[in-house]
Each structure stands twice: as C-alpha cells, then as structure tokens.
Amino acid sequence: MTVAGRWRPLWLTLIVVALLVLAWWPGQQTSQQVADYKPQVAVLYDQASSEQRALREHANDINNRFHERHEWRVVSEERAQWLIRVSIAQHDNKLYLSADISATEAPQQRLERIEVEGDRAVISELHQRFVAAIRDQVINFHQQRLQAQKVTPDTV
C-alpha cells in the first residue's frame, strides 16, 4: 500500500466529521427562536398546599409532570407568557386539584379554571389528567395568541 493509500481513510474520516459539524452548527434559527413557539409557563403553588407533607408530595409529582412535558417550557415567572396557579387540597379520601391559567399581561384576569377531584387511590391518574387538561388549555390559548399575531414558524 502506498503512502497516499494509507492517508485515504484518515481524509475520509475528517471529511465526514467536518460534514457532521456543519450539519449541527446553528444556522439562521437558533434554538431560542424555535422554542419561542412553545408556550413558556410559570407554575406557582398555593402556600396552603405546600404546608403538609402529603400535599408537598403531590405538588412535587405534579411539578415533575409539568417539567417533563415537551409541549411547553417551564420558566421563571418573569420570563413566562402564561401563569398557572395550582392549589391542592385533600379531605377524607378525596384529593382536590385546581389550577387557574392566566396570561402574564393580565395576571389577575383568569382565562380558565381547571378542577380535578377523585379518590386518593387513583392519585397518579388524577395527576396525569390534571396536567393533561392544563396542557390542552395552555396550548389552545397559545395557538390563539400566535394566530392573532399572525406569526408562523416560517416567518421567523
């Protein structure tokens, strides 16, 4: 094998690596611009909800479910477009979950109130149903806002 033949695999490898770097290099659209089409939400918990240990565990589970959703980004209250105020209560064997959804421009004006209640025996299902209902409403409100602004991902 000649010297040039021994260098050929190295050159091919370098070319492939260079092409991969160029493919992953940020172009015109940054990840922040793409993420702007996702609703940015802040989740606030009622202080009374966080006092009891059992209620804190429910709040932690719901908070984890909020953070693992890919349809939105959970951000600080200052950067959020939507505020979600969550209240958790339990009486006897019932768990009561409620959330008020509002836009950050008018935080006192509630757009939607979502309430879920059920037996504590099906806690996981209640949490899942609660977050899904909130997700549907926030996505709906966000799409309405984008349509009102006539903004599409193609115009960025």
N, C-alpha and C. Protein backbone atom coordinates (compact mmCIF):
# COMPACT_ATOMS: atom_id res chain seq x y z
N MET A 1 0.85 -1.17 0.00
CA MET A 1 0.00 0.00 0.00
C MET A 1 0.89 1.23 0.00
N THR A 2 0.56 2.20 -0.81
CA THR A 2 1.36 3.42 -0.92
C THR A 2 1.02 4.37 0.23
N VAL A 3 1.81 5.41 0.33
CA VAL A 3 1.60 6.41 1.38
C VAL A 3 0.25 7.10 1.20
N ALA A 4 -0.10 7.43 -0.04
CA ALA A 4 -1.38 8.08 -0.32
C ALA A 4 -2.53 7.16 0.05
N GLY A 5 -2.38 5.87 -0.17
CA GLY A 5 -3.44 4.92 0.15
C GLY A 5 -3.66 4.79 1.65
N ARG A 6 -2.60 4.98 2.43
CA ARG A 6 -2.74 4.90 3.87
C ARG A 6 -3.43 6.13 4.45
N TRP A 7 -3.32 7.25 3.78
CA TRP A 7 -3.93 8.50 4.27
C TRP A 7 -5.40 8.63 3.86
N ARG A 8 -5.82 7.85 2.89
CA ARG A 8 -7.19 7.97 2.38
C ARG A 8 -8.25 7.76 3.48
N PRO A 9 -8.20 6.71 4.31
CA PRO A 9 -9.22 6.55 5.37
C PRO A 9 -9.24 7.72 6.36
N LEU A 10 -8.06 8.27 6.64
CA LEU A 10 -8.00 9.41 7.55
C LEU A 10 -8.68 10.63 6.94
N TRP A 11 -8.42 10.89 5.66
CA TRP A 11 -9.05 12.02 4.98
C TRP A 11 -10.56 11.85 4.89
N LEU A 12 -11.01 10.65 4.59
CA LEU A 12 -12.45 10.40 4.53
C LEU A 12 -13.11 10.60 5.90
N THR A 13 -12.43 10.16 6.94
CA THR A 13 -12.95 10.35 8.29
C THR A 13 -13.04 11.83 8.63
N LEU A 14 -12.02 12.59 8.31
CA LEU A 14 -12.02 14.03 8.57
C LEU A 14 -13.12 14.74 7.80
N ILE A 15 -13.36 14.33 6.57
CA ILE A 15 -14.42 14.95 5.77
C ILE A 15 -15.79 14.65 6.38
N VAL A 16 -16.00 13.41 6.81
CA VAL A 16 -17.28 13.04 7.43
C VAL A 16 -17.49 13.82 8.73
N VAL A 17 -16.45 13.94 9.55
CA VAL A 17 -16.56 14.70 10.80
C VAL A 17 -16.86 16.17 10.50
N ALA A 18 -16.21 16.74 9.50
CA ALA A 18 -16.46 18.13 9.14
C ALA A 18 -17.91 18.32 8.68
N LEU A 19 -18.43 17.38 7.90
CA LEU A 19 -19.82 17.48 7.46
C LEU A 19 -20.79 17.37 8.64
N LEU A 20 -20.48 16.51 9.60
CA LEU A 20 -21.33 16.41 10.79
C LEU A 20 -21.31 17.69 11.61
N VAL A 21 -20.14 18.30 11.74
CA VAL A 21 -20.04 19.56 12.47
C VAL A 21 -20.87 20.63 11.78
N LEU A 22 -20.78 20.72 10.46
CA LEU A 22 -21.56 21.71 9.72
C LEU A 22 -23.06 21.44 9.83
N ALA A 23 -23.44 20.19 9.87
CA ALA A 23 -24.86 19.86 9.96
C ALA A 23 -25.44 20.28 11.31
N TRP A 24 -24.65 20.20 12.37
CA TRP A 24 -25.14 20.54 13.70
C TRP A 24 -24.86 21.99 14.08
N TRP A 25 -24.16 22.72 13.25
CA TRP A 25 -23.83 24.11 13.55
C TRP A 25 -25.11 24.95 13.50
N PRO A 26 -25.33 25.85 14.48
CA PRO A 26 -26.56 26.65 14.44
C PRO A 26 -26.57 27.57 13.23
N GLY A 27 -27.69 27.59 12.58
CA GLY A 27 -27.83 28.42 11.39
C GLY A 27 -28.62 29.67 11.69
N GLN A 28 -29.54 30.01 10.80
CA GLN A 28 -30.36 31.20 10.95
C GLN A 28 -31.26 31.11 12.17
N GLN A 29 -31.88 29.97 12.37
CA GLN A 29 -32.77 29.81 13.51
C GLN A 29 -32.01 29.25 14.69
N THR A 30 -32.02 29.98 15.78
CA THR A 30 -31.41 29.46 16.99
C THR A 30 -32.45 28.66 17.75
N SER A 31 -32.00 27.91 18.70
CA SER A 31 -32.93 27.11 19.47
C SER A 31 -33.89 28.00 20.26
N GLN A 32 -33.46 29.21 20.63
CA GLN A 32 -34.34 30.13 21.35
C GLN A 32 -35.49 30.57 20.46
N GLN A 33 -35.22 30.84 19.17
CA GLN A 33 -36.29 31.24 18.27
C GLN A 33 -37.28 30.11 18.05
N VAL A 34 -36.79 28.91 17.92
CA VAL A 34 -37.69 27.77 17.74
C VAL A 34 -38.50 27.55 19.01
N ALA A 35 -37.86 27.70 20.15
CA ALA A 35 -38.56 27.48 21.41
C ALA A 35 -39.60 28.55 21.70
N ASP A 36 -39.50 29.71 21.06
CA ASP A 36 -40.48 30.76 21.29
C ASP A 36 -41.87 30.36 20.83
N TYR A 37 -41.97 29.37 19.98
CA TYR A 37 -43.28 28.91 19.55
C TYR A 37 -43.89 27.95 20.54
N LYS A 38 -43.11 27.55 21.52
CA LYS A 38 -43.65 26.75 22.61
C LYS A 38 -44.11 27.73 23.70
N PRO A 39 -45.23 27.46 24.31
CA PRO A 39 -45.65 28.33 25.41
C PRO A 39 -44.65 28.27 26.55
N GLN A 40 -44.35 29.42 27.11
CA GLN A 40 -43.46 29.48 28.27
C GLN A 40 -44.33 29.71 29.49
N VAL A 41 -44.33 28.75 30.39
CA VAL A 41 -45.23 28.80 31.54
C VAL A 41 -44.45 28.89 32.84
N ALA A 42 -45.07 29.52 33.82
CA ALA A 42 -44.57 29.53 35.19
C ALA A 42 -45.63 28.87 36.05
N VAL A 43 -45.21 27.97 36.90
CA VAL A 43 -46.13 27.24 37.76
C VAL A 43 -45.93 27.74 39.18
N LEU A 44 -47.00 28.26 39.76
CA LEU A 44 -46.98 28.77 41.13
C LEU A 44 -47.90 27.90 41.97
N TYR A 45 -47.46 27.58 43.18
CA TYR A 45 -48.25 26.72 44.06
C TYR A 45 -48.80 27.54 45.21
N ASP A 46 -50.04 27.25 45.58
CA ASP A 46 -50.68 27.89 46.71
C ASP A 46 -49.89 27.57 47.97
N GLN A 47 -49.66 28.57 48.81
CA GLN A 47 -48.87 28.35 50.02
C GLN A 47 -49.52 27.33 50.95
N ALA A 48 -50.83 27.35 51.04
CA ALA A 48 -51.51 26.38 51.90
C ALA A 48 -51.28 24.96 51.42
N SER A 49 -51.06 24.81 50.10
CA SER A 49 -50.84 23.47 49.55
C SER A 49 -49.51 22.89 49.97
N SER A 50 -48.54 23.75 50.22
CA SER A 50 -47.20 23.24 50.47
C SER A 50 -46.91 23.01 51.94
N GLU A 51 -47.89 23.22 52.81
CA GLU A 51 -47.62 23.09 54.24
C GLU A 51 -47.55 21.64 54.69
N GLN A 52 -48.49 20.83 54.30
CA GLN A 52 -48.49 19.45 54.76
C GLN A 52 -47.57 18.60 53.88
N ARG A 53 -46.97 17.62 54.51
CA ARG A 53 -46.02 16.77 53.79
C ARG A 53 -46.68 16.03 52.63
N ALA A 54 -47.87 15.48 52.86
CA ALA A 54 -48.57 14.73 51.80
C ALA A 54 -48.89 15.65 50.62
N LEU A 55 -49.29 16.88 50.91
CA LEU A 55 -49.61 17.81 49.84
C LEU A 55 -48.34 18.23 49.09
N ARG A 56 -47.23 18.33 49.80
CA ARG A 56 -45.95 18.64 49.13
C ARG A 56 -45.56 17.53 48.16
N GLU A 57 -45.83 16.28 48.54
CA GLU A 57 -45.52 15.17 47.64
C GLU A 57 -46.37 15.24 46.38
N HIS A 58 -47.64 15.59 46.53
CA HIS A 58 -48.50 15.77 45.35
C HIS A 58 -47.96 16.91 44.49
N ALA A 59 -47.59 18.01 45.13
CA ALA A 59 -47.06 19.16 44.39
C ALA A 59 -45.78 18.79 43.65
N ASN A 60 -44.91 18.00 44.28
CA ASN A 60 -43.67 17.58 43.62
C ASN A 60 -43.96 16.69 42.41
N ASP A 61 -44.91 15.77 42.56
CA ASP A 61 -45.25 14.90 41.43
C ASP A 61 -45.84 15.70 40.28
N ILE A 62 -46.74 16.62 40.59
CA ILE A 62 -47.33 17.46 39.55
C ILE A 62 -46.27 18.34 38.91
N ASN A 63 -45.37 18.89 39.72
CA ASN A 63 -44.29 19.73 39.19
C ASN A 63 -43.39 18.93 38.25
N ASN A 64 -43.08 17.69 38.61
CA ASN A 64 -42.28 16.84 37.73
C ASN A 64 -43.01 16.59 36.41
N ARG A 65 -44.30 16.40 36.47
CA ARG A 65 -45.08 16.19 35.25
C ARG A 65 -45.09 17.45 34.38
N PHE A 66 -45.14 18.63 35.01
CA PHE A 66 -45.06 19.87 34.25
C PHE A 66 -43.71 19.97 33.53
N HIS A 67 -42.64 19.63 34.23
CA HIS A 67 -41.30 19.78 33.66
C HIS A 67 -41.00 18.75 32.57
N GLU A 68 -41.63 17.59 32.60
CA GLU A 68 -41.31 16.58 31.59
C GLU A 68 -42.13 16.74 30.32
N ARG A 69 -43.09 17.64 30.30
CA ARG A 69 -43.87 17.88 29.08
C ARG A 69 -43.00 18.59 28.06
N HIS A 70 -43.06 18.16 26.82
CA HIS A 70 -42.26 18.79 25.77
C HIS A 70 -43.04 19.85 25.00
N GLU A 71 -44.33 20.00 25.28
CA GLU A 71 -45.14 20.97 24.55
C GLU A 71 -44.91 22.40 25.02
N TRP A 72 -44.30 22.57 26.18
CA TRP A 72 -44.05 23.90 26.71
C TRP A 72 -42.72 23.94 27.41
N ARG A 73 -42.32 25.14 27.80
CA ARG A 73 -41.10 25.32 28.58
C ARG A 73 -41.49 25.93 29.92
N VAL A 74 -41.06 25.32 31.01
CA VAL A 74 -41.30 25.88 32.33
C VAL A 74 -40.16 26.84 32.62
N VAL A 75 -40.51 28.11 32.85
CA VAL A 75 -39.53 29.17 33.08
C VAL A 75 -39.90 29.92 34.35
N SER A 76 -39.08 30.92 34.69
CA SER A 76 -39.38 31.74 35.85
C SER A 76 -40.58 32.63 35.56
N GLU A 77 -41.14 33.17 36.62
CA GLU A 77 -42.35 33.99 36.47
C GLU A 77 -42.10 35.23 35.62
N GLU A 78 -40.90 35.78 35.68
CA GLU A 78 -40.57 36.99 34.91
C GLU A 78 -40.53 36.73 33.41
N ARG A 79 -40.14 35.54 33.00
CA ARG A 79 -39.99 35.21 31.58
C ARG A 79 -41.21 34.52 30.99
N ALA A 80 -42.18 34.19 31.82
CA ALA A 80 -43.32 33.37 31.38
C ALA A 80 -44.32 34.18 30.57
N GLN A 81 -44.99 33.47 29.67
CA GLN A 81 -46.12 34.03 28.93
C GLN A 81 -47.43 33.67 29.60
N TRP A 82 -47.42 32.55 30.30
CA TRP A 82 -48.63 32.04 30.95
C TRP A 82 -48.32 31.69 32.39
N LEU A 83 -49.24 32.04 33.29
CA LEU A 83 -49.10 31.71 34.71
C LEU A 83 -50.11 30.63 35.06
N ILE A 84 -49.64 29.62 35.76
CA ILE A 84 -50.51 28.54 36.21
C ILE A 84 -50.41 28.52 37.74
N ARG A 85 -51.51 28.83 38.41
CA ARG A 85 -51.55 28.81 39.87
C ARG A 85 -52.25 27.52 40.30
N VAL A 86 -51.53 26.68 41.02
CA VAL A 86 -52.03 25.36 41.40
C VAL A 86 -52.38 25.35 42.88
N SER A 87 -53.54 24.80 43.19
CA SER A 87 -53.97 24.59 44.58
C SER A 87 -54.27 23.11 44.76
N ILE A 88 -53.83 22.58 45.89
CA ILE A 88 -54.03 21.17 46.20
C ILE A 88 -54.66 21.07 47.58
N ALA A 89 -55.71 20.29 47.69
CA ALA A 89 -56.35 20.07 48.99
C ALA A 89 -56.80 18.62 49.06
N GLN A 90 -56.90 18.14 50.29
CA GLN A 90 -57.43 16.79 50.48
C GLN A 90 -58.34 16.79 51.70
N HIS A 91 -59.46 16.11 51.55
CA HIS A 91 -60.43 15.95 52.63
C HIS A 91 -60.85 14.50 52.62
N ASP A 92 -60.75 13.88 53.77
CA ASP A 92 -61.07 12.46 53.90
C ASP A 92 -60.24 11.66 52.89
N ASN A 93 -60.89 10.96 51.99
CA ASN A 93 -60.18 10.16 50.99
C ASN A 93 -60.18 10.81 49.62
N LYS A 94 -60.53 12.07 49.54
CA LYS A 94 -60.62 12.78 48.27
C LYS A 94 -59.43 13.73 48.12
N LEU A 95 -58.98 13.84 46.88
CA LEU A 95 -57.92 14.80 46.54
C LEU A 95 -58.52 15.81 45.56
N TYR A 96 -58.32 17.09 45.84
CA TYR A 96 -58.86 18.17 45.01
C TYR A 96 -57.70 18.96 44.42
N LEU A 97 -57.65 19.01 43.10
CA LEU A 97 -56.62 19.76 42.39
C LEU A 97 -57.30 20.85 41.59
N SER A 98 -56.79 22.06 41.67
CA SER A 98 -57.35 23.14 40.85
C SER A 98 -56.21 24.01 40.35
N ALA A 99 -56.43 24.59 39.19
CA ALA A 99 -55.42 25.46 38.58
C ALA A 99 -56.13 26.62 37.90
N ASP A 100 -55.56 27.80 38.07
CA ASP A 100 -56.03 28.99 37.37
C ASP A 100 -54.98 29.34 36.33
N ILE A 101 -55.40 29.49 35.09
CA ILE A 101 -54.50 29.84 34.00
C ILE A 101 -54.75 31.29 33.64
N SER A 102 -53.67 32.07 33.57
CA SER A 102 -53.79 33.47 33.17
C SER A 102 -52.58 33.86 32.33
N ALA A 103 -52.75 34.91 31.55
CA ALA A 103 -51.64 35.45 30.77
C ALA A 103 -50.85 36.40 31.65
N THR A 104 -49.56 36.54 31.39
CA THR A 104 -48.73 37.41 32.22
C THR A 104 -49.08 38.88 32.05
N GLU A 105 -49.68 39.24 30.91
CA GLU A 105 -50.06 40.64 30.71
C GLU A 105 -51.17 41.04 31.67
N ALA A 106 -52.03 40.10 32.02
CA ALA A 106 -53.15 40.36 32.93
C ALA A 106 -53.24 39.22 33.94
N PRO A 107 -52.32 39.16 34.90
CA PRO A 107 -52.29 38.01 35.81
C PRO A 107 -53.52 37.89 36.70
N GLN A 108 -54.23 38.99 36.93
CA GLN A 108 -55.42 38.92 37.78
C GLN A 108 -56.64 38.43 37.01
N GLN A 109 -56.58 38.47 35.69
CA GLN A 109 -57.70 38.03 34.86
C GLN A 109 -57.53 36.55 34.52
N ARG A 110 -58.34 35.73 35.15
CA ARG A 110 -58.24 34.28 34.95
C ARG A 110 -58.88 33.91 33.62
N LEU A 111 -58.13 33.21 32.78
CA LEU A 111 -58.65 32.75 31.50
C LEU A 111 -59.42 31.44 31.64
N GLU A 112 -58.94 30.60 32.52
CA GLU A 112 -59.56 29.27 32.66
C GLU A 112 -59.27 28.75 34.06
N ARG A 113 -60.23 28.03 34.60
CA ARG A 113 -60.03 27.33 35.87
C ARG A 113 -60.28 25.85 35.61
N ILE A 114 -59.33 25.05 36.03
CA ILE A 114 -59.42 23.60 35.83
C ILE A 114 -59.44 22.95 37.20
N GLU A 115 -60.41 22.08 37.40
CA GLU A 115 -60.54 21.37 38.67
C GLU A 115 -60.65 19.87 38.41
N VAL A 116 -59.91 19.12 39.18
CA VAL A 116 -59.95 17.66 39.10
C VAL A 116 -60.07 17.15 40.53
N GLU A 117 -60.94 16.22 40.74
CA GLU A 117 -61.07 15.62 42.06
C GLU A 117 -61.30 14.13 41.92
N GLY A 118 -60.88 13.41 42.94
CA GLY A 118 -61.07 11.97 42.91
C GLY A 118 -60.51 11.31 44.15
N ASP A 119 -60.67 10.01 44.20
CA ASP A 119 -60.17 9.24 45.34
C ASP A 119 -58.65 9.22 45.36
N ARG A 120 -58.11 9.15 46.54
CA ARG A 120 -56.65 9.11 46.68
C ARG A 120 -56.09 7.79 46.17
N ALA A 121 -56.94 6.81 45.93
CA ALA A 121 -56.48 5.51 45.43
C ALA A 121 -55.97 5.62 43.99
N VAL A 122 -56.40 6.63 43.27
CA VAL A 122 -56.00 6.79 41.86
C VAL A 122 -55.23 8.10 41.68
N ILE A 123 -54.29 8.35 42.57
CA ILE A 123 -53.56 9.62 42.58
C ILE A 123 -52.81 9.84 41.27
N SER A 124 -52.13 8.84 40.79
CA SER A 124 -51.34 9.01 39.56
C SER A 124 -52.22 9.40 38.38
N GLU A 125 -53.37 8.77 38.27
CA GLU A 125 -54.30 9.10 37.19
C GLU A 125 -54.84 10.52 37.34
N LEU A 126 -55.10 10.94 38.57
CA LEU A 126 -55.57 12.32 38.81
C LEU A 126 -54.51 13.33 38.39
N HIS A 127 -53.27 13.09 38.79
CA HIS A 127 -52.19 14.00 38.42
C HIS A 127 -52.03 14.07 36.90
N GLN A 128 -52.08 12.91 36.25
CA GLN A 128 -51.92 12.87 34.80
C GLN A 128 -53.07 13.60 34.10
N ARG A 129 -54.28 13.36 34.53
CA ARG A 129 -55.45 14.02 33.94
C ARG A 129 -55.40 15.53 34.17
N PHE A 130 -54.96 15.93 35.34
CA PHE A 130 -54.86 17.35 35.70
C PHE A 130 -53.88 18.08 34.79
N VAL A 131 -52.68 17.53 34.65
CA VAL A 131 -51.66 18.16 33.81
C VAL A 131 -52.08 18.13 32.34
N ALA A 132 -52.72 17.07 31.90
CA ALA A 132 -53.18 16.99 30.51
C ALA A 132 -54.24 18.05 30.21
N ALA A 133 -55.15 18.27 31.14
CA ALA A 133 -56.18 19.30 30.94
C ALA A 133 -55.56 20.69 30.89
N ILE A 134 -54.59 20.94 31.75
CA ILE A 134 -53.90 22.23 31.74
C ILE A 134 -53.14 22.39 30.44
N ARG A 135 -52.44 21.34 30.01
CA ARG A 135 -51.68 21.39 28.77
C ARG A 135 -52.58 21.75 27.59
N ASP A 136 -53.72 21.09 27.49
CA ASP A 136 -54.63 21.35 26.38
C ASP A 136 -55.07 22.81 26.35
N GLN A 137 -55.40 23.36 27.51
CA GLN A 137 -55.86 24.75 27.55
C GLN A 137 -54.74 25.73 27.23
N VAL A 138 -53.56 25.51 27.78
CA VAL A 138 -52.43 26.42 27.52
C VAL A 138 -52.06 26.38 26.04
N ILE A 139 -52.00 25.20 25.45
CA ILE A 139 -51.68 25.08 24.03
C ILE A 139 -52.74 25.81 23.19
N ASN A 140 -54.00 25.64 23.55
CA ASN A 140 -55.08 26.30 22.83
C ASN A 140 -54.96 27.82 22.92
N PHE A 141 -54.74 28.34 24.13
CA PHE A 141 -54.58 29.79 24.30
C PHE A 141 -53.36 30.31 23.54
N HIS A 142 -52.28 29.55 23.58
CA HIS A 142 -51.05 29.98 22.91
C HIS A 142 -51.22 30.00 21.39
N GLN A 143 -51.88 28.99 20.85
CA GLN A 143 -52.13 28.98 19.41
C GLN A 143 -53.04 30.13 18.99
N GLN A 144 -54.02 30.44 19.81
CA GLN A 144 -54.88 31.59 19.51
C GLN A 144 -54.08 32.88 19.50
N ARG A 145 -53.15 33.01 20.45
CA ARG A 145 -52.32 34.21 20.50
C ARG A 145 -51.43 34.31 19.27
N LEU A 146 -50.83 33.19 18.87
CA LEU A 146 -49.96 33.21 17.69
C LEU A 146 -50.76 33.53 16.43
N GLN A 147 -51.96 32.99 16.32
CA GLN A 147 -52.80 33.29 15.15
C GLN A 147 -53.22 34.75 15.15
N ALA A 148 -53.47 35.31 16.32
CA ALA A 148 -53.84 36.73 16.40
C ALA A 148 -52.68 37.61 15.98
N GLN A 149 -51.46 37.17 16.27
CA GLN A 149 -50.27 37.92 15.87
C GLN A 149 -49.85 37.57 14.45
N LYS A 150 -50.51 36.57 13.86
CA LYS A 150 -50.18 36.08 12.52
C LYS A 150 -48.71 35.69 12.41
N VAL A 151 -48.24 34.97 13.41
CA VAL A 151 -46.86 34.52 13.45
C VAL A 151 -46.85 33.03 13.17
N THR A 152 -46.01 32.63 12.24
CA THR A 152 -45.81 31.22 11.95
C THR A 152 -44.32 30.93 12.02
N PRO A 153 -43.94 29.69 12.22
CA PRO A 153 -42.51 29.38 12.25
C PRO A 153 -41.80 29.74 10.95
N ASP A 154 -42.52 29.82 9.84
CA ASP A 154 -41.89 30.15 8.56
C ASP A 154 -41.49 31.62 8.46
N THR A 155 -42.14 32.49 9.25
CA THR A 155 -41.88 33.92 9.13
C THR A 155 -40.72 34.38 9.99
N VAL A 156 -40.16 33.52 10.81
CA VAL A 156 -39.03 33.92 11.66
C VAL A 156 -37.77 33.98 10.85
